[in-house]
């Protein structure tokens, strides 16, 4: 049997901050879904007023804000691209994986 070692509150706090921070900065590497996962994972886990919970809450809040901004920007881009790609010329056709038949 594998027995987990006992961790102190400080070690657990450091680990939580480390995870929240890694997921927050990982979102900047083109993985905005990590911001959503970060928010969902830590949303209800900040229930004390310890300094570590305030720092995790800050990363959680910023993850949600950046995820919303990213997804809004993505859907605006998709709407513009889908409705106007035919008028934007060859560079827009180069972005397409397959050009729909009839165009």
C-alpha atoms as a PDB file:
ATOM      1  CA  UNK A   1       0.000   0.000   0.000  1.00  0.00           C
ATOM      2  CA  UNK A   2       1.095   3.512  -0.762  1.00  0.00           C
ATOM      3  CA  UNK A   3       0.615   5.892   2.138  1.00  0.00           C
ATOM      4  CA  UNK A   4       0.513   9.609   1.409  1.00  0.00           C
ATOM      5  CA  UNK A   5       2.711  11.692   3.668  1.00  0.00           C
ATOM      6  CA  UNK A   6       1.074  14.234   5.911  1.00  0.00           C
ATOM      7  CA  UNK A   7       1.328  17.726   4.483  1.00  0.00           C
ATOM      8  CA  UNK A   8       1.290  20.890   6.509  1.00  0.00           C
ATOM      9  CA  UNK A   9      -1.126  23.707   5.752  1.00  0.00           C
ATOM     10  CA  UNK A  10       1.762  25.780   4.377  1.00  0.00           C
ATOM     11  CA  UNK A  11       2.770  23.020   1.951  1.00  0.00           C
ATOM     12  CA  UNK A  12      -0.806  22.589   0.763  1.00  0.00           C
ATOM     13  CA  UNK A  13      -1.155  26.356   0.315  1.00  0.00           C
ATOM     14  CA  UNK A  14       2.066  26.557  -1.688  1.00  0.00           C
ATOM     15  CA  UNK A  15       0.926  23.673  -3.886  1.00  0.00           C
ATOM     16  CA  UNK A  16      -2.478  25.282  -4.531  1.00  0.00           C
ATOM     17  CA  UNK A  17      -0.848  28.598  -5.453  1.00  0.00           C
ATOM     18  CA  UNK A  18       1.604  26.772  -7.714  1.00  0.00           C
ATOM     19  CA  UNK A  19      -1.165  24.907  -9.544  1.00  0.00           C
ATOM     20  CA  UNK A  20      -3.322  28.032  -9.974  1.00  0.00           C
ATOM     21  CA  UNK A  21      -0.330  30.031 -11.201  1.00  0.00           C
ATOM     22  CA  UNK A  22       0.781  27.347 -13.701  1.00  0.00           C
ATOM     23  CA  UNK A  23      -2.720  27.016 -15.136  1.00  0.00           C
ATOM     24  CA  UNK A  24      -3.081  30.805 -15.359  1.00  0.00           C
ATOM     25  CA  UNK A  25       0.180  31.290 -17.253  1.00  0.00           C
ATOM     26  CA  UNK A  26      -0.451  28.142 -19.317  1.00  0.00           C
ATOM     27  CA  UNK A  27      -3.473  29.909 -20.788  1.00  0.00           C
ATOM     28  CA  UNK A  28      -1.131  32.422 -22.410  1.00  0.00           C
ATOM     29  CA  UNK A  29       0.571  29.600 -24.334  1.00  0.00           C
ATOM     30  CA  UNK A  30      -2.428  29.262 -26.614  1.00  0.00           C
ATOM     31  CA  UNK A  31      -4.392  27.067 -24.211  1.00  0.00           C
ATOM     32  CA  UNK A  32      -7.243  29.307 -23.022  1.00  0.00           C
ATOM     33  CA  UNK A  33      -9.225  26.250 -21.929  1.00  0.00           C
ATOM     34  CA  UNK A  34      -6.763  26.073 -19.008  1.00  0.00           C
ATOM     35  CA  UNK A  35      -8.279  29.322 -17.750  1.00  0.00           C
ATOM     36  CA  UNK A  36     -11.708  27.683 -17.740  1.00  0.00           C
ATOM     37  CA  UNK A  37     -10.351  24.605 -15.958  1.00  0.00           C
ATOM     38  CA  UNK A  38      -8.536  26.819 -13.440  1.00  0.00           C
ATOM     39  CA  UNK A  39     -11.728  28.709 -12.681  1.00  0.00           C
ATOM     40  CA  UNK A  40     -13.877  25.592 -12.385  1.00  0.00           C
ATOM     41  CA  UNK A  41     -11.365  23.766 -10.201  1.00  0.00           C
ATOM     42  CA  UNK A  42     -10.722  26.544  -7.694  1.00  0.00           C
ATOM     43  CA  UNK A  43     -14.108  28.311  -7.753  1.00  0.00           C
ATOM     44  CA  UNK A  44     -15.558  26.900  -4.512  1.00  0.00           C
ATOM     45  CA  UNK A  45     -12.291  25.904  -2.857  1.00  0.00           C
ATOM     46  CA  UNK A  46     -11.447  29.374  -1.491  1.00  0.00           C
ATOM     47  CA  UNK A  47     -13.424  29.422   1.726  1.00  0.00           C
ATOM     48  CA  UNK A  48     -11.056  31.030   4.214  1.00  0.00           C
ATOM     49  CA  UNK A  49      -9.343  34.370   4.442  1.00  0.00           C
ATOM     50  CA  UNK A  50      -5.809  33.023   4.432  1.00  0.00           C
ATOM     51  CA  UNK A  51      -3.381  34.978   2.221  1.00  0.00           C
ATOM     52  CA  UNK A  52      -2.906  31.916   0.031  1.00  0.00           C
ATOM     53  CA  UNK A  53      -6.647  31.733  -0.678  1.00  0.00           C
ATOM     54  CA  UNK A  54      -6.649  35.388  -1.674  1.00  0.00           C
ATOM     55  CA  UNK A  55      -3.811  34.776  -4.125  1.00  0.00           C
ATOM     56  CA  UNK A  56      -5.518  31.699  -5.581  1.00  0.00           C
ATOM     57  CA  UNK A  57      -8.764  33.698  -5.837  1.00  0.00           C
ATOM     58  CA  UNK A  58      -6.901  36.395  -7.784  1.00  0.00           C
ATOM     59  CA  UNK A  59      -5.598  33.838 -10.319  1.00  0.00           C
ATOM     60  CA  UNK A  60      -9.068  32.266 -10.488  1.00  0.00           C
ATOM     61  CA  UNK A  61     -10.767  35.599 -11.144  1.00  0.00           C
ATOM     62  CA  UNK A  62      -8.225  36.639 -13.769  1.00  0.00           C
ATOM     63  CA  UNK A  63      -8.560  33.231 -15.454  1.00  0.00           C
ATOM     64  CA  UNK A  64     -12.311  33.716 -15.791  1.00  0.00           C
ATOM     65  CA  UNK A  65     -11.940  37.256 -17.154  1.00  0.00           C
ATOM     66  CA  UNK A  66      -9.326  36.249 -19.731  1.00  0.00           C
ATOM     67  CA  UNK A  67     -11.291  33.142 -20.776  1.00  0.00           C
ATOM     68  CA  UNK A  68     -14.409  35.234 -21.397  1.00  0.00           C
ATOM     69  CA  UNK A  69     -12.449  37.851 -23.363  1.00  0.00           C
ATOM     70  CA  UNK A  70     -10.732  35.143 -25.435  1.00  0.00           C
ATOM     71  CA  UNK A  71     -13.934  33.289 -26.266  1.00  0.00           C
ATOM     72  CA  UNK A  72     -15.779  36.493 -27.152  1.00  0.00           C
ATOM     73  CA  UNK A  73     -12.908  37.462 -29.460  1.00  0.00           C
ATOM     74  CA  UNK A  74     -12.877  33.986 -30.993  1.00  0.00           C
ATOM     75  CA  UNK A  75     -16.598  34.015 -31.751  1.00  0.00           C
ATOM     76  CA  UNK A  76     -16.427  37.536 -33.184  1.00  0.00           C
ATOM     77  CA  UNK A  77     -13.552  36.421 -35.440  1.00  0.00           C
ATOM     78  CA  UNK A  78     -15.453  33.305 -36.521  1.00  0.00           C
ATOM     79  CA  UNK A  79     -18.572  35.307 -37.325  1.00  0.00           C
ATOM     80  CA  UNK A  80     -16.629  37.836 -39.367  1.00  0.00           C
ATOM     81  CA  UNK A  81     -14.560  35.208 -41.150  1.00  0.00           C
ATOM     82  CA  UNK A  82     -17.448  32.904 -42.022  1.00  0.00           C
ATOM     83  CA  UNK A  83     -19.547  35.747 -43.376  1.00  0.00           C
ATOM     84  CA  UNK A  84     -16.781  37.588 -45.275  1.00  0.00           C
ATOM     85  CA  UNK A  85     -14.060  35.153 -46.319  1.00  0.00           C
ATOM     86  CA  UNK A  86     -15.152  35.196 -49.962  1.00  0.00           C
ATOM     87  CA  UNK A  87     -14.604  38.956 -50.175  1.00  0.00           C
ATOM     88  CA  UNK A  88     -11.207  39.042 -48.440  1.00  0.00           C
ATOM     89  CA  UNK A  89      -9.292  37.482 -51.280  1.00  0.00           C
ATOM     90  CA  UNK A  90      -6.587  34.848 -51.492  1.00  0.00           C
ATOM     91  CA  UNK A  91      -5.220  35.278 -47.956  1.00  0.00           C
ATOM     92  CA  UNK A  92      -8.609  34.255 -46.520  1.00  0.00           C
ATOM     93  CA  UNK A  93      -8.739  31.217 -48.801  1.00  0.00           C
ATOM     94  CA  UNK A  94      -5.298  30.225 -47.544  1.00  0.00           C
ATOM     95  CA  UNK A  95      -6.692  30.091 -44.013  1.00  0.00           C
ATOM     96  CA  UNK A  96      -9.349  27.566 -45.032  1.00  0.00           C
ATOM     97  CA  UNK A  97      -8.650  23.872 -44.721  1.00  0.00           C
ATOM     98  CA  UNK A  98     -11.044  23.083 -47.545  1.00  0.00           C
ATOM     99  CA  UNK A  99     -12.849  25.522 -49.787  1.00  0.00           C
ATOM    100  CA  UNK A 100     -16.578  24.773 -49.911  1.00  0.00           C
ATOM    101  CA  UNK A 101     -17.876  23.585 -53.285  1.00  0.00           C
ATOM    102  CA  UNK A 102     -19.576  26.168 -55.434  1.00  0.00           C
ATOM    103  CA  UNK A 103     -17.231  29.031 -54.573  1.00  0.00           C
END
